[in-house]
Structure formats: structure tokens, C-alpha cells
Amino acid sequence: MDFIPSRPLTFGLELELEIVDLGTGQLSPTSLPIWRELQQTPHGQLYALEATQSTIELNSSVHEDAESMRQEVQARVAQLQQVAKAHGVAVCGGGTHIAQFWNERRLTPSKRARELDRRFGFLPKRFSTYGMHVHVGMPDAQSAVRVANVLQAHTPLFIAMSAASPFLQHVDSGFAASRPLEPLVYPHGGPMPYLLDWAHFESLAQEFFNTGIAETLKDIYWDVRPKPELGTVEVRVFDTPLTVDKAVNLAAWTRAIAGLALNGKLELSQPRRHVTEGKVSRFLACRDGLQARLFDPVSGQWLIARDWASALCTRLAGDPQTAIDRRALDAISAGLSAQEDHAQMRALWRSFSPTHSLPEGEEPSGDTLAAYAAALCDHLVAPMAQDDSAR
């Protein structure tokens, strides 16, 4: 398995977006006509279909700084919104849709979707959720392994930073991020094992291939994984943020942390220990977001997620390498004291609900769901308004 080197610390993102019917607020299985129309444009190659038809994915180009990525992603999301509007639908962020039921999802008529259906039954439809993946360029295989280990150790914090999936199947889940729980049901999902070296990674991947449960690295759903064909390390745990700005800022933050690791400035004190702490931290991050008490394997301490993130922001602010992304990193730091995405979603729902309450399992009124979905779509390329009552 050859690792194709790429320019160190270049980066890109994949953004999975919900397609919703603005008349009803329900998910709309219209990705195929939207995707086909986008393929006729100069940037059509940046859009991709997913396993089910209520999702469309935007893949950025490779970038060297956050601002060039921001300009591209904002422009491409605006283009996607325009095409979606012509089909009577819109797109929004968030990790799950409140009225998302697996039996109502329609598979995309592709070879891969059919194979996933054959291999995993209902699970791909259940896993039809909305996440963001960040790729960071690496110079060689061993660097990719070393950085992947550090990034995997930080995945509970990444989950807490992006938590935006509080609702599922007409109910408040009780979690800040319910979406990252989904891959845990797969035998090849969840945290990446600690990698000793590239040969160890190849051996672990081959074990999955030998079972027949996976055919390529694309089929291994680890939270973090090397991508040798792209020359990157990929972080896969983020919920799709509510705004493009936050998505780009989180991508830049991930790249900055990867830079510290690549340059030997961020290392795990006891790299093969703390498996249990990592699993517990992942769960707590899903449940509590930035309020969660998480284990930092670099310092060996349990910290409130917000404090851990703040300490990392301070560390990054003093690193000359990150100066090019200063606006994005400053926004991440400032955002730590702002309302989290999952809290904004709950506040937004209350503002449209006739009873000003959270969903409790009953099908919501059409007016409430439609107004809520429209507001999320409007906010994708604009800052989400703060609700003082939910702070």
C-alpha cells in the first residue's frame, strides 16, 4: 500500500449537507437531479452523491490557507443553494435531521450504494447522517501515522467542538452530538487503533479485507484514518456545522493541530495507554459538548472540553506556522464562549414551537418543522443569530 506524498499541511474538507423541502421541512430525496445539473457547471467535480438521496456532498479543492478555502466553499454552497432552489428544495447544516427515519431513506442508484445495502442491510440508511471530514497533507507514510495518532487522541475534543446533532426521530436525543454514535455499530467503525508504524496500519487494514467486511480503505470507518492515495490524514468525527464559516474555521484548527504534531510540538505522553479514557471521553463529548469533562492524553489530565480547547488555542496563537490562518483560529477561540451549535438548534426549535418546548417523540407540526428547516438553510452561509434566552 503505497503512500503518495503531498505538500505538508495543505488541507481540504468534505461537507455533507441535508437536502430539505422548504414547504414541509422534511428531508427531500432530490440529490440526483441537483447533482446532474451541477455536473454541467465548471465546478461540478466538487459535488458528490452519497449513499442516500437526501444528502449532497461538497468537496473543497486543496488549499494552503483558510481564507482561500472560505471563499471557495462559500461560493460553491451558494451555487448549490441556487440549483437546489430551482428544484424546490434547499440545503442546510447540522449532523442529523429531526424527522430522520432510516426506513424512509432512498438509496442512490449507484454500485457502491447497492453494495453497502447488500453488505449491511438497514445500517447505511440509519447512518444517513451529516458530517464533515478534514484532510491534511503529509510528506510521507510515517509522518501520516504519527500525526494520525495525535489527531485520534483529540477526537473527543473535535466532537465537542462541532456538536450539532441533538435531534433524531422526532425527539431530543439528550446528546449534544448523537451522530458520532452511529459508526460504533460497525465492526470497522469508531476510534482508530494506535498505529505503531505504516506496516502496522497495513496489517490492520488487511485483517478487515481478509474478513470480507471491507474491500478498500474507504470501507473502514475509523474516526481518523490515513489516506495513502491522497497523501493525507483524514479526520471524520465532525458534525456538519450550522455555518460555512464554522466549518472552515474548524478545518483550519484541525490543520493547525496537525502542524504541531508533524513538527514534534504535540506528542502523546504515554501513546499506547488511556484506551478506556479515550472511549469514555468520546461518549462524554457526544453527550455534553463543550461542557464535557474529557481526558487530554498529552497532559494526562481530565479537563472541561472548553478549557482544553482554550489551552490549545493559546498554544496555537504562539506558533509562527499558524499565522496565515489567524482569522480562523481567532474565531475558534472567540467561539468557545458563544452558544454551541446544538444549543442554537434547541433554542431555534423552541422559538418556532407553539409550546416553546423541545420535541418529545411526537411528529412535529408542519409549520414548526418548515420554519425550523428554513432558518437552518438561511444560516448556512450567514452567522447564526444568538438567542439570549438559551445562553
Protein backbone atom coordinates (compact mmCIF):
# COMPACT_ATOMS: atom_id res chain seq x y z
CA MET A 1 0.00 0.00 0.00
CA ASP A 2 1.96 2.98 -1.28
CA PHE A 3 1.63 6.37 0.37
CA ILE A 4 1.65 9.15 -2.23
CA PRO A 5 3.27 12.20 -0.58
CA SER A 6 1.51 15.54 -0.71
CA ARG A 7 2.52 19.05 0.27
CA PRO A 8 2.71 19.05 4.06
CA LEU A 9 -0.22 20.77 5.79
CA THR A 10 -2.20 21.58 2.70
CA PHE A 11 -5.81 20.77 3.53
CA GLY A 12 -9.31 20.24 2.26
CA LEU A 13 -12.76 19.44 3.61
CA GLU A 14 -15.77 17.32 2.72
CA LEU A 15 -19.12 18.73 3.77
CA GLU A 16 -22.25 16.56 3.82
CA LEU A 17 -25.38 18.70 3.60
CA GLU A 18 -29.06 17.97 4.20
CA ILE A 19 -31.48 18.48 1.34
CA VAL A 20 -34.83 19.64 2.70
CA ASP A 21 -38.22 20.51 1.29
CA LEU A 22 -38.94 24.07 2.47
CA GLY A 23 -42.68 23.51 2.23
CA THR A 24 -42.63 20.71 4.80
CA GLY A 25 -39.18 20.86 6.41
CA GLN A 26 -38.75 17.14 5.67
CA LEU A 27 -35.70 15.59 4.03
CA SER A 28 -36.08 15.54 0.27
CA PRO A 29 -34.67 12.68 -1.88
CA THR A 30 -33.64 15.01 -4.72
CA SER A 31 -29.85 14.74 -4.79
CA LEU A 32 -29.77 13.12 -8.25
CA PRO A 33 -31.35 15.95 -10.30
CA ILE A 34 -29.41 18.56 -8.32
CA TRP A 35 -26.12 16.71 -8.81
CA ARG A 36 -26.76 16.19 -12.53
CA GLU A 37 -27.37 19.90 -13.03
CA LEU A 38 -24.24 20.79 -11.07
CA GLN A 39 -22.19 18.45 -13.27
CA GLN A 40 -22.86 20.78 -16.17
CA THR A 41 -21.05 23.64 -14.42
CA PRO A 42 -17.28 24.35 -14.29
CA HIS A 43 -17.14 23.25 -10.65
CA GLY A 44 -19.26 20.12 -10.97
CA GLN A 45 -16.43 17.83 -9.88
CA LEU A 46 -16.59 19.32 -6.37
CA TYR A 47 -20.05 17.85 -5.72
CA ALA A 48 -20.69 14.20 -4.94
CA LEU A 49 -23.59 11.86 -4.25
CA GLU A 50 -23.85 9.90 -1.02
CA ALA A 51 -25.44 6.53 -0.25
CA THR A 52 -28.92 8.02 0.19
CA GLN A 53 -30.68 10.67 -1.86
CA SER A 54 -31.31 13.31 0.80
CA THR A 55 -27.61 14.15 1.04
CA ILE A 56 -25.22 16.00 -1.22
CA GLU A 57 -21.53 16.37 -0.52
CA LEU A 58 -19.30 19.33 -1.29
CA ASN A 59 -15.59 18.55 -1.60
CA SER A 60 -13.26 21.54 -1.49
CA SER A 61 -10.12 21.89 -3.56
CA VAL A 62 -6.74 21.56 -1.87
CA HIS A 63 -5.82 24.76 -0.01
CA GLU A 64 -2.85 26.31 1.74
CA ASP A 65 -4.79 28.78 3.89
CA ALA A 66 -8.22 29.14 5.45
CA GLU A 67 -9.30 32.27 3.61
CA SER A 68 -8.92 30.76 0.15
CA MET A 69 -10.89 27.74 1.37
CA ARG A 70 -13.57 30.02 2.84
CA GLN A 71 -14.03 31.88 -0.44
CA GLU A 72 -14.34 28.67 -2.42
CA VAL A 73 -16.70 26.86 -0.05
CA GLN A 74 -18.96 29.90 0.34
CA ALA A 75 -19.18 30.28 -3.43
CA ARG A 76 -19.87 26.61 -4.03
CA VAL A 77 -22.51 26.41 -1.29
CA ALA A 78 -24.19 29.50 -2.76
CA GLN A 79 -24.18 27.79 -6.16
CA LEU A 80 -25.63 24.63 -4.63
CA GLN A 81 -28.37 26.64 -2.91
CA GLN A 82 -29.27 28.31 -6.19
CA VAL A 83 -29.59 25.00 -8.02
CA ALA A 84 -31.49 23.44 -5.12
CA LYS A 85 -33.93 26.36 -5.10
CA ALA A 86 -34.77 25.71 -8.74
CA HIS A 87 -35.79 22.19 -7.67
CA GLY A 88 -37.99 23.48 -4.85
CA VAL A 89 -35.63 22.48 -2.05
CA ALA A 90 -32.76 23.93 0.00
CA VAL A 91 -29.66 22.73 1.87
CA CYS A 92 -28.61 23.17 5.49
CA GLY A 93 -26.06 22.11 8.08
CA GLY A 94 -26.46 20.08 11.23
CA GLY A 95 -25.45 16.49 11.93
CA THR A 96 -28.92 14.92 11.93
CA HIS A 97 -32.40 15.84 10.75
CA ILE A 98 -35.12 15.88 13.40
CA ALA A 99 -37.51 13.76 11.29
CA GLN A 100 -34.89 11.32 10.06
CA PHE A 101 -36.14 7.71 9.91
CA TRP A 102 -33.98 5.07 8.24
CA ASN A 103 -36.90 3.25 6.60
CA GLU A 104 -37.85 6.42 4.70
CA ARG A 105 -34.42 6.94 3.14
CA ARG A 106 -33.90 6.11 -0.53
CA LEU A 107 -30.63 4.64 -1.69
CA THR A 108 -28.75 6.33 -4.50
CA PRO A 109 -28.80 4.09 -7.61
CA SER A 110 -25.04 3.52 -7.61
CA LYS A 111 -22.87 0.42 -7.46
CA ARG A 112 -21.44 1.44 -4.08
CA ALA A 113 -24.86 2.11 -2.52
CA ARG A 114 -26.12 -1.28 -3.71
CA GLU A 115 -23.05 -3.00 -2.26
CA LEU A 116 -23.49 -1.22 1.08
CA ASP A 117 -27.13 -2.31 1.12
CA ARG A 118 -26.16 -5.92 0.38
CA ARG A 119 -23.41 -5.96 3.00
CA PHE A 120 -25.01 -4.01 5.85
CA GLY A 121 -28.77 -4.06 5.32
CA PHE A 122 -30.53 -1.16 7.05
CA LEU A 123 -27.35 0.31 8.59
CA PRO A 124 -26.32 2.60 5.67
CA LYS A 125 -29.80 4.15 5.74
CA ARG A 126 -29.58 4.58 9.51
CA PHE A 127 -26.12 6.07 9.04
CA SER A 128 -27.50 8.60 6.55
CA THR A 129 -26.35 11.42 8.79
CA TYR A 130 -24.34 14.56 8.06
CA GLY A 131 -20.69 15.02 8.89
CA MET A 132 -17.60 16.96 7.90
CA HIS A 133 -14.27 15.35 7.07
CA VAL A 134 -10.97 17.25 7.09
CA HIS A 135 -7.90 16.11 5.13
CA VAL A 136 -4.39 17.32 5.99
CA GLY A 137 -1.44 16.72 3.67
CA MET A 138 1.51 14.64 4.88
CA PRO A 139 5.03 14.30 3.43
CA ASP A 140 5.41 10.55 3.99
CA ALA A 141 3.78 7.45 5.44
CA GLN A 142 5.50 7.52 8.82
CA SER A 143 4.55 11.18 9.35
CA ALA A 144 0.95 10.27 8.47
CA VAL A 145 0.96 7.53 11.13
CA ARG A 146 2.47 9.80 13.78
CA VAL A 147 0.06 12.67 13.11
CA ALA A 148 -2.95 10.33 12.82
CA ASN A 149 -2.24 9.00 16.31
CA VAL A 150 -2.20 12.52 17.76
CA LEU A 151 -5.36 13.56 15.92
CA GLN A 152 -7.17 10.40 17.05
CA ALA A 153 -6.29 11.29 20.64
CA HIS A 154 -8.00 14.67 20.09
CA THR A 155 -11.21 13.32 18.52
CA PRO A 156 -13.33 13.72 21.68
CA LEU A 157 -12.46 17.41 21.57
CA PHE A 158 -13.29 17.60 17.84
CA ILE A 159 -16.68 16.02 18.57
CA ALA A 160 -17.36 18.52 21.35
CA MET A 161 -16.30 21.48 19.18
CA SER A 162 -18.69 20.59 16.35
CA ALA A 163 -21.62 19.01 18.23
CA ALA A 164 -24.72 19.73 16.13
CA SER A 165 -26.97 16.67 16.24
CA PRO A 166 -29.29 16.93 19.26
CA PHE A 167 -32.45 15.71 17.50
CA LEU A 168 -33.38 12.35 15.97
CA GLN A 169 -36.69 10.70 15.09
CA HIS A 170 -38.94 13.46 16.46
CA VAL A 171 -37.20 13.60 19.81
CA ASP A 172 -34.45 15.43 21.66
CA SER A 173 -31.76 12.75 21.99
CA GLY A 174 -30.32 14.11 25.24
CA PHE A 175 -26.96 14.35 23.44
CA ALA A 176 -25.13 17.34 22.02
CA ALA A 177 -23.93 15.09 19.18
CA SER A 178 -25.88 11.90 18.52
CA ARG A 179 -24.39 11.40 15.04
CA PRO A 180 -20.90 10.17 16.10
CA LEU A 181 -22.56 7.27 17.94
CA GLU A 182 -23.72 5.76 14.63
CA PRO A 183 -20.42 4.31 13.29
CA LEU A 184 -19.86 2.42 16.55
CA VAL A 185 -22.24 -0.33 15.40
CA TYR A 186 -19.88 -1.29 12.56
CA PRO A 187 -17.05 -3.74 13.27
CA HIS A 188 -14.72 -1.37 11.42
CA GLY A 189 -16.05 1.88 12.91
CA GLY A 190 -15.09 4.06 15.86
CA PRO A 191 -11.65 5.08 17.16
CA MET A 192 -8.59 4.22 15.09
CA PRO A 193 -6.29 1.82 16.97
CA TYR A 194 -2.93 3.24 17.98
CA LEU A 195 -0.60 2.70 15.00
CA LEU A 196 2.97 1.58 15.63
CA ASP A 197 4.14 2.29 12.07
CA TRP A 198 3.00 2.06 8.46
CA ALA A 199 3.41 -1.71 8.35
CA HIS A 200 1.10 -1.99 11.37
CA PHE A 201 -1.52 0.13 9.61
CA GLU A 202 -1.29 -2.06 6.50
CA SER A 203 -1.64 -5.17 8.65
CA LEU A 204 -4.75 -3.89 10.43
CA ALA A 205 -6.37 -2.86 7.14
CA GLN A 206 -5.57 -6.26 5.62
CA GLU A 207 -7.26 -8.00 8.53
CA PHE A 208 -10.51 -6.26 7.62
CA PHE A 209 -10.03 -7.02 3.92
CA ASN A 210 -9.47 -10.70 4.72
CA THR A 211 -12.81 -10.92 6.53
CA GLY A 212 -14.68 -9.56 3.52
CA ILE A 213 -16.30 -6.84 5.63
CA ALA A 214 -14.23 -4.19 3.80
CA GLU A 215 -12.70 -4.07 0.34
CA THR A 216 -10.85 -0.74 0.40
CA LEU A 217 -9.77 1.84 2.95
CA LYS A 218 -12.94 3.76 2.08
CA ASP A 219 -14.84 0.95 3.81
CA ILE A 220 -13.02 1.38 7.13
CA TYR A 221 -14.99 3.91 9.20
CA TRP A 222 -12.41 4.89 11.78
CA ASP A 223 -12.64 8.32 13.38
CA VAL A 224 -9.24 9.12 11.84
CA ARG A 225 -7.52 7.28 9.03
CA PRO A 226 -4.54 7.73 6.72
CA LYS A 227 -5.50 8.16 3.07
CA PRO A 228 -2.43 6.95 1.16
CA GLU A 229 -3.90 7.59 -2.30
CA LEU A 230 -4.37 11.27 -1.39
CA GLY A 231 -1.29 11.65 0.80
CA THR A 232 -3.39 12.85 3.74
CA VAL A 233 -4.65 12.08 7.20
CA GLU A 234 -8.45 12.33 7.37
CA VAL A 235 -10.43 13.34 10.49
CA ARG A 236 -14.02 12.11 10.21
CA VAL A 237 -15.80 12.83 13.53
CA PHE A 238 -17.14 16.35 13.00
CA ASP A 239 -20.86 17.02 12.75
CA THR A 240 -21.60 19.27 9.78
CA PRO A 241 -21.56 22.75 11.36
CA LEU A 242 -24.52 25.11 11.00
CA THR A 243 -22.45 27.66 9.06
CA VAL A 244 -19.81 27.51 6.36
CA ASP A 245 -17.66 29.89 8.40
CA LYS A 246 -17.50 27.49 11.33
CA ALA A 247 -16.76 24.55 9.01
CA VAL A 248 -13.75 26.33 7.53
CA ASN A 249 -12.56 27.55 10.94
CA LEU A 250 -12.68 24.01 12.32
CA ALA A 251 -10.80 22.71 9.30
CA ALA A 252 -8.08 25.32 9.86
CA TRP A 253 -7.95 24.47 13.57
CA THR A 254 -7.52 20.78 12.73
CA ARG A 255 -4.76 21.61 10.27
CA ALA A 256 -3.00 23.75 12.90
CA ILE A 257 -3.08 20.92 15.47
CA ALA A 258 -1.77 18.53 12.82
CA GLY A 259 1.04 21.02 12.19
CA LEU A 260 2.07 20.93 15.83
CA ALA A 261 2.12 17.14 15.71
CA LEU A 262 4.01 16.99 12.42
CA ASN A 263 6.68 19.32 13.78
CA GLY A 264 7.09 17.38 17.02
CA LYS A 265 5.47 20.06 19.19
CA LEU A 266 2.47 17.95 20.27
CA GLU A 267 3.15 14.42 21.42
CA LEU A 268 1.33 11.79 23.45
CA SER A 269 2.99 11.22 26.82
CA GLN A 270 2.07 7.51 27.01
CA PRO A 271 0.96 6.74 23.47
CA ARG A 272 -0.31 3.17 23.89
CA ARG A 273 -2.26 3.74 27.10
CA HIS A 274 -5.51 5.50 28.01
CA VAL A 275 -7.74 3.47 25.66
CA THR A 276 -10.52 3.40 28.25
CA GLU A 277 -10.22 7.12 28.98
CA GLY A 278 -10.41 7.82 25.25
CA LYS A 279 -13.59 5.75 24.82
CA VAL A 280 -15.24 7.37 27.83
CA SER A 281 -14.20 10.83 26.63
CA ARG A 282 -15.70 10.15 23.20
CA PHE A 283 -19.03 9.27 24.81
CA LEU A 284 -18.99 12.27 27.16
CA ALA A 285 -18.16 14.62 24.26
CA CYS A 286 -21.19 13.30 22.39
CA ARG A 287 -23.41 13.77 25.42
CA ASP A 288 -22.21 17.10 26.79
CA GLY A 289 -20.40 19.01 24.02
CA LEU A 290 -18.03 21.67 25.29
CA GLN A 291 -19.31 21.16 28.85
CA ALA A 292 -17.93 17.61 28.82
CA ARG A 293 -15.12 16.52 31.10
CA LEU A 294 -12.58 14.90 28.77
CA PHE A 295 -9.22 13.22 29.14
CA ASP A 296 -6.30 15.02 27.48
CA PRO A 297 -3.69 12.32 26.75
CA VAL A 298 -1.00 14.94 26.14
CA SER A 299 -1.17 16.45 29.64
CA GLY A 300 -2.58 13.28 31.24
CA GLN A 301 -5.38 15.31 32.88
CA TRP A 302 -9.18 15.36 32.85
CA LEU A 303 -10.30 18.79 31.62
CA ILE A 304 -13.53 20.53 30.71
CA ALA A 305 -13.61 20.43 26.90
CA ARG A 306 -13.90 24.21 26.64
CA ASP A 307 -10.78 24.64 28.81
CA TRP A 308 -8.84 22.06 26.80
CA ALA A 309 -9.77 23.83 23.56
CA SER A 310 -8.85 27.20 25.02
CA ALA A 311 -5.42 25.95 26.08
CA LEU A 312 -4.82 24.61 22.58
CA CYS A 313 -5.88 27.94 21.07
CA THR A 314 -3.36 29.74 23.29
CA ARG A 315 -0.67 27.30 22.22
CA LEU A 316 -1.51 27.74 18.54
CA ALA A 317 -1.52 31.54 18.88
CA GLY A 318 2.17 31.38 19.77
CA ASP A 319 3.13 29.14 16.87
CA PRO A 320 4.53 31.09 13.86
CA GLN A 321 3.31 28.44 11.45
CA THR A 322 -0.36 29.22 12.14
CA ALA A 323 -0.17 32.96 11.44
CA ILE A 324 -1.61 32.53 7.95
CA ASP A 325 -4.89 31.26 9.44
CA ARG A 326 -5.09 33.83 12.23
CA ARG A 327 -8.65 34.96 11.41
CA ALA A 328 -9.97 31.39 11.52
CA LEU A 329 -8.10 30.48 14.70
CA ASP A 330 -9.16 33.67 16.46
CA ALA A 331 -12.76 32.89 15.52
CA ILE A 332 -12.45 29.43 17.05
CA SER A 333 -11.06 30.93 20.26
CA ALA A 334 -13.79 33.58 20.44
CA GLY A 335 -16.46 30.99 19.68
CA LEU A 336 -15.62 28.98 22.80
CA SER A 337 -17.62 31.47 24.86
CA ALA A 338 -20.54 31.57 22.40
CA GLN A 339 -23.59 29.34 22.18
CA GLU A 340 -22.79 25.89 20.81
CA ASP A 341 -24.47 24.63 17.63
CA HIS A 342 -26.57 22.02 19.43
CA ALA A 343 -27.80 24.69 21.89
CA GLN A 344 -28.62 27.01 18.99
CA MET A 345 -30.64 24.25 17.36
CA ARG A 346 -32.60 23.65 20.55
CA ALA A 347 -33.20 27.38 21.02
CA LEU A 348 -34.29 27.73 17.41
CA TRP A 349 -36.74 24.84 17.75
CA ARG A 350 -38.25 26.36 20.90
CA SER A 351 -38.69 29.69 19.11
CA PHE A 352 -40.88 28.06 16.43
CA SER A 353 -42.69 25.50 18.59
CA PRO A 354 -46.21 26.60 19.63
CA THR A 355 -45.48 25.33 23.15
CA HIS A 356 -41.87 26.65 23.18
CA SER A 357 -40.74 23.16 24.19
CA LEU A 358 -38.30 20.62 22.80
CA PRO A 359 -39.60 17.69 20.70
CA GLU A 360 -40.70 14.72 22.78
CA GLY A 361 -41.27 11.95 20.22
CA GLU A 362 -44.48 13.07 18.54
CA GLU A 363 -44.46 14.20 14.93
CA PRO A 364 -43.97 17.98 14.96
CA SER A 365 -46.42 20.30 13.29
CA GLY A 366 -45.67 21.02 9.65
CA ASP A 367 -45.42 24.74 10.30
CA THR A 368 -42.87 24.28 13.08
CA LEU A 369 -40.70 21.88 11.10
CA ALA A 370 -40.84 24.01 7.94
CA ALA A 371 -39.91 27.22 9.79
CA TYR A 372 -37.09 25.49 11.65
CA ALA A 373 -35.64 23.96 8.45
CA ALA A 374 -35.87 27.27 6.58
CA ALA A 375 -33.99 29.06 9.35
CA LEU A 376 -31.18 26.47 9.27
CA CYS A 377 -30.93 26.81 5.48
CA ASP A 378 -30.75 30.61 5.74
CA HIS A 379 -27.94 30.42 8.29
CA LEU A 380 -25.66 28.11 6.31
CA VAL A 381 -23.79 30.99 4.67
CA ALA A 382 -24.52 33.57 7.37
CA PRO A 383 -23.81 33.69 11.11
CA MET A 384 -26.49 32.08 13.27
CA ALA A 385 -28.30 34.69 15.36
CA GLN A 386 -27.83 34.29 19.08
CA ASP A 387 -30.85 33.57 21.28
CA ASP A 388 -30.26 35.26 24.64
CA SER A 389 -32.77 33.00 26.35
CA ALA A 390 -30.65 29.91 25.60
CA ARG A 391 -27.23 31.19 26.62
